[in-house]
PDB file of N, CA and C in Angstrom:
ATOM      1  N   MET A   1     -46.035 121.331 108.615  1.00  0.00           N
ATOM      2  CA  MET A   1     -46.392 119.389 108.546  1.00  0.00           C
ATOM      3  C   MET A   1     -45.522 118.502 108.856  1.00  0.00           C
ATOM      4  N   LYS A   2     -46.023 117.478 109.515  1.00  0.00           N
ATOM      5  CA  LYS A   2     -44.478 116.585 110.553  1.00  0.00           C
ATOM      6  C   LYS A   2     -44.558 115.396 109.491  1.00  0.00           C
ATOM      7  N   ILE A   3     -43.581 114.661 109.089  1.00  0.00           N
ATOM      8  CA  ILE A   3     -43.549 113.245 108.862  1.00  0.00           C
ATOM      9  C   ILE A   3     -42.431 112.684 109.460  1.00  0.00           C
ATOM     10  N   GLN A   4     -43.428 111.545 109.837  1.00  0.00           N
ATOM     11  CA  GLN A   4     -42.554 110.422 110.887  1.00  0.00           C
ATOM     12  C   GLN A   4     -41.498 109.502 109.871  1.00  0.00           C
ATOM     13  N   LEU A   5     -40.407 109.625 109.915  1.00  0.00           N
ATOM     14  CA  LEU A   5     -39.844 109.173 109.097  1.00  0.00           C
ATOM     15  C   LEU A   5     -39.407 107.555 109.657  1.00  0.00           C
ATOM     16  N   ILE A   6     -39.047 107.590 110.844  1.00  0.00           N
ATOM     17  CA  ILE A   6     -38.369 106.582 111.644  1.00  0.00           C
ATOM     18  C   ILE A   6     -39.099 106.447 113.194  1.00  0.00           C
ATOM     19  N   HIS A   7     -39.669 105.350 113.874  1.00  0.00           N
ATOM     20  CA  HIS A   7     -39.936 105.145 114.871  1.00  0.00           C
ATOM     21  C   HIS A   7     -40.030 103.972 115.440  1.00  0.00           C
ATOM     22  N   GLY A   8     -38.908 103.654 116.235  1.00  0.00           N
ATOM     23  CA  GLY A   8     -39.268 102.414 116.923  1.00  0.00           C
ATOM     24  C   GLY A   8     -37.968 101.336 117.367  1.00  0.00           C
ATOM     25  N   LYS A   9     -37.859 100.303 117.807  1.00  0.00           N
ATOM     26  CA  LYS A   9     -37.040 100.079 118.253  1.00  0.00           C
ATOM     27  C   LYS A   9     -36.108  98.498 117.039  1.00  0.00           C
ATOM     28  N   PHE A  10     -34.774  98.710 116.975  1.00  0.00           N
ATOM     29  CA  PHE A  10     -34.090  97.926 115.867  1.00  0.00           C
ATOM     30  C   PHE A  10     -33.156  97.012 116.566  1.00  0.00           C
ATOM     31  N   GLU A  11     -32.892  95.904 115.758  1.00  0.00           N
ATOM     32  CA  GLU A  11     -31.399  95.638 116.064  1.00  0.00           C
ATOM     33  C   GLU A  11     -30.312  96.509 116.174  1.00  0.00           C
ATOM     34  N   ALA A  12     -29.346  96.437 116.591  1.00  0.00           N
ATOM     35  CA  ALA A  12     -27.945  96.973 116.262  1.00  0.00           C
ATOM     36  C   ALA A  12     -27.714  97.086 114.676  1.00  0.00           C
ATOM     37  N   GLN A  13     -27.552  96.193 113.972  1.00  0.00           N
ATOM     38  CA  GLN A  13     -27.061  96.122 112.899  1.00  0.00           C
ATOM     39  C   GLN A  13     -28.299  96.555 111.494  1.00  0.00           C
ATOM     40  N   GLU A  14     -29.298  96.428 112.126  1.00  0.00           N
ATOM     41  CA  GLU A  14     -30.495  97.255 111.428  1.00  0.00           C
ATOM     42  C   GLU A  14     -30.529  98.850 111.658  1.00  0.00           C
ATOM     43  N   ALA A  15     -30.621  98.871 112.565  1.00  0.00           N
ATOM     44  CA  ALA A  15     -29.992 100.426 113.483  1.00  0.00           C
ATOM     45  C   ALA A  15     -29.178 100.963 112.465  1.00  0.00           C
ATOM     46  N   LEU A  16     -27.958 100.582 112.645  1.00  0.00           N
ATOM     47  CA  LEU A  16     -26.635 100.428 111.942  1.00  0.00           C
ATOM     48  C   LEU A  16     -26.659 100.913 110.048  1.00  0.00           C
ATOM     49  N   GLU A  17     -27.536  99.812 109.662  1.00  0.00           N
ATOM     50  CA  GLU A  17     -27.816  99.963 108.043  1.00  0.00           C
ATOM     51  C   GLU A  17     -28.966 101.067 107.861  1.00  0.00           C
ATOM     52  N   LEU A  18     -29.623 101.264 108.643  1.00  0.00           N
ATOM     53  CA  LEU A  18     -30.540 102.485 108.243  1.00  0.00           C
ATOM     54  C   LEU A  18     -29.975 103.969 108.621  1.00  0.00           C
ATOM     55  N   VAL A  19     -29.428 104.070 109.708  1.00  0.00           N
ATOM     56  CA  VAL A  19     -28.651 105.172 109.649  1.00  0.00           C
ATOM     57  C   VAL A  19     -27.546 105.622 108.810  1.00  0.00           C
ATOM     58  N   SER A  20     -26.667 104.521 108.420  1.00  0.00           N
ATOM     59  CA  SER A  20     -26.074 104.535 107.121  1.00  0.00           C
ATOM     60  C   SER A  20     -26.610 104.870 106.075  1.00  0.00           C
ATOM     61  N   LYS A  21     -27.283 104.285 105.431  1.00  0.00           N
ATOM     62  CA  LYS A  21     -28.156 104.514 104.376  1.00  0.00           C
ATOM     63  C   LYS A  21     -28.623 106.173 104.213  1.00  0.00           C
ATOM     64  N   LEU A  22     -29.229 106.569 105.295  1.00  0.00           N
ATOM     65  CA  LEU A  22     -29.571 107.833 105.435  1.00  0.00           C
ATOM     66  C   LEU A  22     -28.875 108.802 105.376  1.00  0.00           C
ATOM     67  N   ILE A  23     -27.552 108.705 105.790  1.00  0.00           N
ATOM     68  CA  ILE A  23     -26.364 109.721 105.775  1.00  0.00           C
ATOM     69  C   ILE A  23     -25.767 109.590 104.530  1.00  0.00           C
ATOM     70  N   HIS A  24     -25.844 108.392 103.914  1.00  0.00           N
ATOM     71  CA  HIS A  24     -25.263 108.352 102.905  1.00  0.00           C
ATOM     72  C   HIS A  24     -26.034 108.970 101.656  1.00  0.00           C
ATOM     73  N   ALA A  25     -27.534 109.274 101.910  1.00  0.00           N
ATOM     74  CA  ALA A  25     -28.190 109.892 100.921  1.00  0.00           C
ATOM     75  C   ALA A  25     -28.236 111.176 100.803  1.00  0.00           C
ATOM     76  N   LYS A  26     -27.956 111.821 102.079  1.00  0.00           N
ATOM     77  CA  LYS A  26     -27.594 113.344 102.113  1.00  0.00           C
ATOM     78  C   LYS A  26     -26.054 113.468 101.704  1.00  0.00           C
ATOM     79  N   ILE A  27     -25.589 112.388 101.482  1.00  0.00           N
ATOM     80  CA  ILE A  27     -23.942 113.075 101.394  1.00  0.00           C
ATOM     81  C   ILE A  27     -23.832 112.711  99.711  1.00  0.00           C
ATOM     82  N   LYS A  28     -24.858 112.033  99.018  1.00  0.00           N
ATOM     83  CA  LYS A  28     -25.096 112.191  97.900  1.00  0.00           C
ATOM     84  C   LYS A  28     -25.508 113.253  97.320  1.00  0.00           C
ATOM     85  N   PHE A  29     -26.629 113.653  98.190  1.00  0.00           N
ATOM     86  CA  PHE A  29     -27.128 114.858  97.789  1.00  0.00           C
ATOM     87  C   PHE A  29     -26.552 115.936  97.473  1.00  0.00           C
ATOM     88  N   HIS A  30     -25.426 116.024  98.706  1.00  0.00           N
ATOM     89  CA  HIS A  30     -24.395 117.401  98.524  1.00  0.00           C
ATOM     90  C   HIS A  30     -23.329 117.061  97.350  1.00  0.00           C
ATOM     91  N   GLU A  31     -22.732 116.019  97.215  1.00  0.00           N
ATOM     92  CA  GLU A  31     -21.956 115.854  96.289  1.00  0.00           C
ATOM     93  C   GLU A  31     -22.809 116.141  94.930  1.00  0.00           C
ATOM     94  N   SER A  32     -23.846 115.795  94.775  1.00  0.00           N
ATOM     95  CA  SER A  32     -24.279 115.913  93.296  1.00  0.00           C
ATOM     96  C   SER A  32     -24.764 117.489  93.233  1.00  0.00           C
ATOM     97  N   ARG A  33     -24.680 117.977  94.149  1.00  0.00           N
ATOM     98  CA  ARG A  33     -25.055 120.233  94.329  1.00  0.00           C
ATOM     99  C   ARG A  33     -23.611 120.459  93.812  1.00  0.00           C
ATOM    100  N   ILE A  34     -22.588 119.640  94.058  1.00  0.00           N
ATOM    101  CA  ILE A  34     -20.976 120.306  94.237  1.00  0.00           C
ATOM    102  C   ILE A  34     -20.795 120.141  92.473  1.00  0.00           C
ATOM    103  N   THR A  35     -21.053 119.105  92.117  1.00  0.00           N
ATOM    104  CA  THR A  35     -20.730 118.978  90.589  1.00  0.00           C
ATOM    105  C   THR A  35     -21.721 120.080  89.567  1.00  0.00           C
ATOM    106  N   ASN A  36     -22.642 120.572  90.316  1.00  0.00           N
ATOM    107  CA  ASN A  36     -23.645 121.146  89.315  1.00  0.00           C
ATOM    108  C   ASN A  36     -23.696 122.451  90.179  1.00  0.00           C
ATOM    109  N   THR A  37     -23.004 123.103  90.634  1.00  0.00           N
ATOM    110  CA  THR A  37     -22.766 124.435  91.625  1.00  0.00           C
ATOM    111  C   THR A  37     -21.438 125.204  90.653  1.00  0.00           C
ATOM    112  N   CYS A  38     -21.945 126.535  90.831  1.00  0.00           N
ATOM    113  CA  CYS A  38     -20.545 127.199  89.999  1.00  0.00           C
ATOM    114  C   CYS A  38     -20.021 127.817  91.349  1.00  0.00           C
ATOM    115  N   SER A  39     -20.657 128.524  91.953  1.00  0.00           N
ATOM    116  CA  SER A  39     -20.369 128.980  93.478  1.00  0.00           C
ATOM    117  C   SER A  39     -18.915 128.750  94.296  1.00  0.00           C
ATOM    118  N   GLU A  40     -17.940 128.970  94.445  1.00  0.00           N
ATOM    119  CA  GLU A  40     -16.866 128.759  95.217  1.00  0.00           C
ATOM    120  C   GLU A  40     -17.371 128.384  96.967  1.00  0.00           C
ATOM    121  N   GLU A  41     -18.007 129.611  97.088  1.00  0.00           N
ATOM    122  CA  GLU A  41     -18.391 129.376  98.273  1.00  0.00           C
ATOM    123  C   GLU A  41     -19.296 128.054  98.777  1.00  0.00           C
ATOM    124  N   ASP A  42     -20.258 128.150  97.896  1.00  0.00           N
ATOM    125  CA  ASP A  42     -21.429 126.992  97.917  1.00  0.00           C
ATOM    126  C   ASP A  42     -20.635 125.730  98.257  1.00  0.00           C
ATOM    127  N   ILE A  43     -19.578 125.439  97.481  1.00  0.00           N
ATOM    128  CA  ILE A  43     -19.145 124.391  97.034  1.00  0.00           C
ATOM    129  C   ILE A  43     -18.009 124.135  98.391  1.00  0.00           C
ATOM    130  N   LYS A  44     -17.683 125.104  99.078  1.00  0.00           N
ATOM    131  CA  LYS A  44     -16.872 124.778 100.349  1.00  0.00           C
ATOM    132  C   LYS A  44     -18.182 124.575 101.557  1.00  0.00           C
ATOM    133  N   MET A  45     -18.995 125.113 101.415  1.00  0.00           N
ATOM    134  CA  MET A  45     -20.263 125.110 102.285  1.00  0.00           C
ATOM    135  C   MET A  45     -20.902 123.723 102.414  1.00  0.00           C
ATOM    136  N   ARG A  46     -20.827 122.989 101.350  1.00  0.00           N
ATOM    137  CA  ARG A  46     -21.403 121.545 101.053  1.00  0.00           C
ATOM    138  C   ARG A  46     -20.483 120.542 101.428  1.00  0.00           C
ATOM    139  N   GLU A  47     -19.008 120.753 100.886  1.00  0.00           N
ATOM    140  CA  GLU A  47     -17.738 119.967 101.578  1.00  0.00           C
ATOM    141  C   GLU A  47     -17.785 119.797 102.867  1.00  0.00           C
ATOM    142  N   SER A  48     -18.159 121.252 103.501  1.00  0.00           N
ATOM    143  CA  SER A  48     -17.886 121.130 104.682  1.00  0.00           C
ATOM    144  C   SER A  48     -19.330 120.084 105.419  1.00  0.00           C
ATOM    145  N   LYS A  49     -20.224 120.125 105.305  1.00  0.00           N
ATOM    146  CA  LYS A  49     -21.480 119.256 105.801  1.00  0.00           C
ATOM    147  C   LYS A  49     -21.010 118.115 105.187  1.00  0.00           C
ATOM    148  N   ILE A  50     -20.329 117.640 104.445  1.00  0.00           N
ATOM    149  CA  ILE A  50     -20.361 116.304 103.658  1.00  0.00           C
ATOM    150  C   ILE A  50     -19.160 115.838 105.235  1.00  0.00           C
ATOM    151  N   LYS A  51     -18.489 116.305 105.429  1.00  0.00           N
ATOM    152  CA  LYS A  51     -17.292 116.305 106.384  1.00  0.00           C
ATOM    153  C   LYS A  51     -17.887 115.798 107.702  1.00  0.00           C
ATOM    154  N   PHE A  52     -18.999 116.827 107.887  1.00  0.00           N
ATOM    155  CA  PHE A  52     -20.108 116.735 109.302  1.00  0.00           C
ATOM    156  C   PHE A  52     -20.743 115.845 109.559  1.00  0.00           C
ATOM    157  N   LEU A  53     -21.345 115.316 108.402  1.00  0.00           N
ATOM    158  CA  LEU A  53     -22.413 114.021 108.291  1.00  0.00           C
ATOM    159  C   LEU A  53     -21.120 112.389 108.588  1.00  0.00           C
ATOM    160  N   GLN A  54     -19.874 112.428 107.506  1.00  0.00           N
ATOM    161  CA  GLN A  54     -18.937 111.946 107.988  1.00  0.00           C
ATOM    162  C   GLN A  54     -18.453 111.746 109.350  1.00  0.00           C
ATOM    163  N   LYS A  55     -18.244 112.376 110.250  1.00  0.00           N
ATOM    164  CA  LYS A  55     -17.925 112.257 111.173  1.00  0.00           C
ATOM    165  C   LYS A  55     -19.033 112.024 112.319  1.00  0.00           C
ATOM    166  N   ASP A  56     -20.266 112.454 111.960  1.00  0.00           N
ATOM    167  CA  ASP A  56     -21.543 112.024 112.733  1.00  0.00           C
ATOM    168  C   ASP A  56     -21.945 110.478 112.338  1.00  0.00           C
ATOM    169  N   LEU A  57     -21.256 109.807 111.280  1.00  0.00           N
ATOM    170  CA  LEU A  57     -21.430 108.524 110.946  1.00  0.00           C
ATOM    171  C   LEU A  57     -20.528 107.828 111.520  1.00  0.00           C
ATOM    172  N   PHE A  58     -19.198 108.274 111.616  1.00  0.00           N
ATOM    173  CA  PHE A  58     -18.798 107.262 112.615  1.00  0.00           C
ATOM    174  C   PHE A  58     -18.884 107.314 114.007  1.00  0.00           C
ATOM    175  N   GLU A  59     -19.391 108.225 114.134  1.00  0.00           N
ATOM    176  CA  GLU A  59     -19.622 108.205 115.820  1.00  0.00           C
ATOM    177  C   GLU A  59     -20.853 107.656 116.237  1.00  0.00           C
ATOM    178  N   ALA A  60     -21.513 107.584 115.286  1.00  0.00           N
ATOM    179  CA  ALA A  60     -22.908 106.547 115.073  1.00  0.00           C
ATOM    180  C   ALA A  60     -22.686 105.382 115.155  1.00  0.00           C
ATOM    181  N   ARG A  61     -21.606 104.764 114.179  1.00  0.00           N
ATOM    182  CA  ARG A  61     -21.364 103.379 114.294  1.00  0.00           C
ATOM    183  C   ARG A  61     -20.758 102.892 115.530  1.00  0.00           C
ATOM    184  N   THR A  62     -19.759 103.882 115.892  1.00  0.00           N
ATOM    185  CA  THR A  62     -18.932 103.590 117.139  1.00  0.00           C
ATOM    186  C   THR A  62     -20.195 103.129 118.334  1.00  0.00           C
ATOM    187  N   PHE A  63     -21.172 104.264 118.877  1.00  0.00           N
ATOM    188  CA  PHE A  63     -21.796 103.937 119.746  1.00  0.00           C
ATOM    189  C   PHE A  63     -22.858 102.585 119.290  1.00  0.00           C
ATOM    190  N   ILE A  64     -23.650 102.531 118.015  1.00  0.00           N
ATOM    191  CA  ILE A  64     -24.461 101.709 117.928  1.00  0.00           C
ATOM    192  C   ILE A  64     -23.408  99.975 117.888  1.00  0.00           C
ATOM    193  N   SER A  65     -22.331 100.134 117.806  1.00  0.00           N
ATOM    194  CA  SER A  65     -21.528  98.849 117.968  1.00  0.00           C
ATOM    195  C   SER A  65     -21.486  98.180 119.105  1.00  0.00           C
ATOM    196  N   THR A  66     -21.827  99.204 120.227  1.00  0.00           N
ATOM    197  CA  THR A  66     -21.980  98.975 121.538  1.00  0.00           C
ATOM    198  C   THR A  66     -23.214  98.435 121.988  1.00  0.00           C
ATOM    199  N   GLN A  67     -24.215  98.748 121.454  1.00  0.00           N
ATOM    200  CA  GLN A  67     -25.251  98.274 121.671  1.00  0.00           C
ATOM    201  C   GLN A  67     -25.916  96.798 121.119  1.00  0.00           C
ATOM    202  N   LYS A  68     -27.028  96.479 121.621  1.00  0.00           N
ATOM    203  CA  LYS A  68     -27.982  95.132 121.020  1.00  0.00           C
ATOM    204  C   LYS A  68     -29.101  96.157 120.496  1.00  0.00           C
ATOM    205  N   ILE A  69     -29.891  96.777 121.389  1.00  0.00           N
ATOM    206  CA  ILE A  69     -31.211  97.376 120.541  1.00  0.00           C
ATOM    207  C   ILE A  69     -30.976  98.951 120.595  1.00  0.00           C
ATOM    208  N   ILE A  70     -31.463  99.271 119.599  1.00  0.00           N
ATOM    209  CA  ILE A  70     -31.245 101.110 119.331  1.00  0.00           C
ATOM    210  C   ILE A  70     -32.870 101.367 119.332  1.00  0.00           C
ATOM    211  N   ASN A  71     -33.358 102.402 119.907  1.00  0.00           N
ATOM    212  CA  ASN A  71     -34.709 102.953 119.618  1.00  0.00           C
ATOM    213  C   ASN A  71     -34.152 104.270 118.584  1.00  0.00           C
ATOM    214  N   LEU A  72     -34.465 104.278 117.689  1.00  0.00           N
ATOM    215  CA  LEU A  72     -34.322 105.527 116.448  1.00  0.00           C
ATOM    216  C   LEU A  72     -35.743 106.253 116.228  1.00  0.00           C
ATOM    217  N   GLU A  73     -35.680 107.302 116.403  1.00  0.00           N
ATOM    218  CA  GLU A  73     -36.563 108.371 116.147  1.00  0.00           C
ATOM    219  C   GLU A  73     -36.311 109.728 115.393  1.00  0.00           C
ATOM    220  N   SER A  74     -36.979 109.881 114.134  1.00  0.00           N
ATOM    221  CA  SER A  74     -36.638 110.861 113.227  1.00  0.00           C
ATOM    222  C   SER A  74     -37.818 111.341 112.708  1.00  0.00           C
ATOM    223  N   GLU A  75     -38.249 112.751 112.415  1.00  0.00           N
ATOM    224  CA  GLU A  75     -39.184 113.430 112.184  1.00  0.00           C
ATOM    225  C   GLU A  75     -38.638 114.204 111.010  1.00  0.00           C
ATOM    226  N   ILE A  76     -39.160 114.766 109.974  1.00  0.00           N
ATOM    227  CA  ILE A  76     -39.027 115.789 109.002  1.00  0.00           C
ATOM    228  C   ILE A  76     -39.972 116.643 109.262  1.00  0.00           C
ATOM    229  N   PHE A  77     -39.879 117.824 109.549  1.00  0.00           N
ATOM    230  CA  PHE A  77     -40.947 119.093 109.623  1.00  0.00           C
ATOM    231  C   PHE A  77     -40.884 119.783 108.324  1.00  0.00           C
ATOM    232  N   LEU A  78     -41.983 120.368 107.941  1.00  0.00           N
ATOM    233  CA  LEU A  78     -42.087 120.967 106.658  1.00  0.00           C
ATOM    234  C   LEU A  78     -42.885 122.508 107.007  1.00  0.00           C
ATOM    235  N   ASN A  79     -42.110 123.367 106.948  1.00  0.00           N
ATOM    236  CA  ASN A  79     -42.664 124.690 107.183  1.00  0.00           C
ATOM    237  C   ASN A  79     -42.027 125.661 106.052  1.00  0.00           C
ATOM    238  N   THR A  80     -42.997 126.666 106.161  1.00  0.00           N
ATOM    239  CA  THR A  80     -43.100 127.872 105.252  1.00  0.00           C
ATOM    240  C   THR A  80     -41.822 129.141 105.851  1.00  0.00           C
TER     241      THR A  80
END
């Protein structure tokens, strides 16, 4: 199953807001799992994912700030 999450052209500010909110939602998901996780290995893995997401957000902000219009495409694939 495929879910078309984002598809279209956005002004830079709108694109930045949308990308930021999506990444922050994923970061908050991992943070909530850290507080509920007992395994130190799982905590370290989630902390690493958060760092990569923060890095990606910084790079996205840098790129988007140089543009006027951004084409965003995002799909979610559900597989078994």
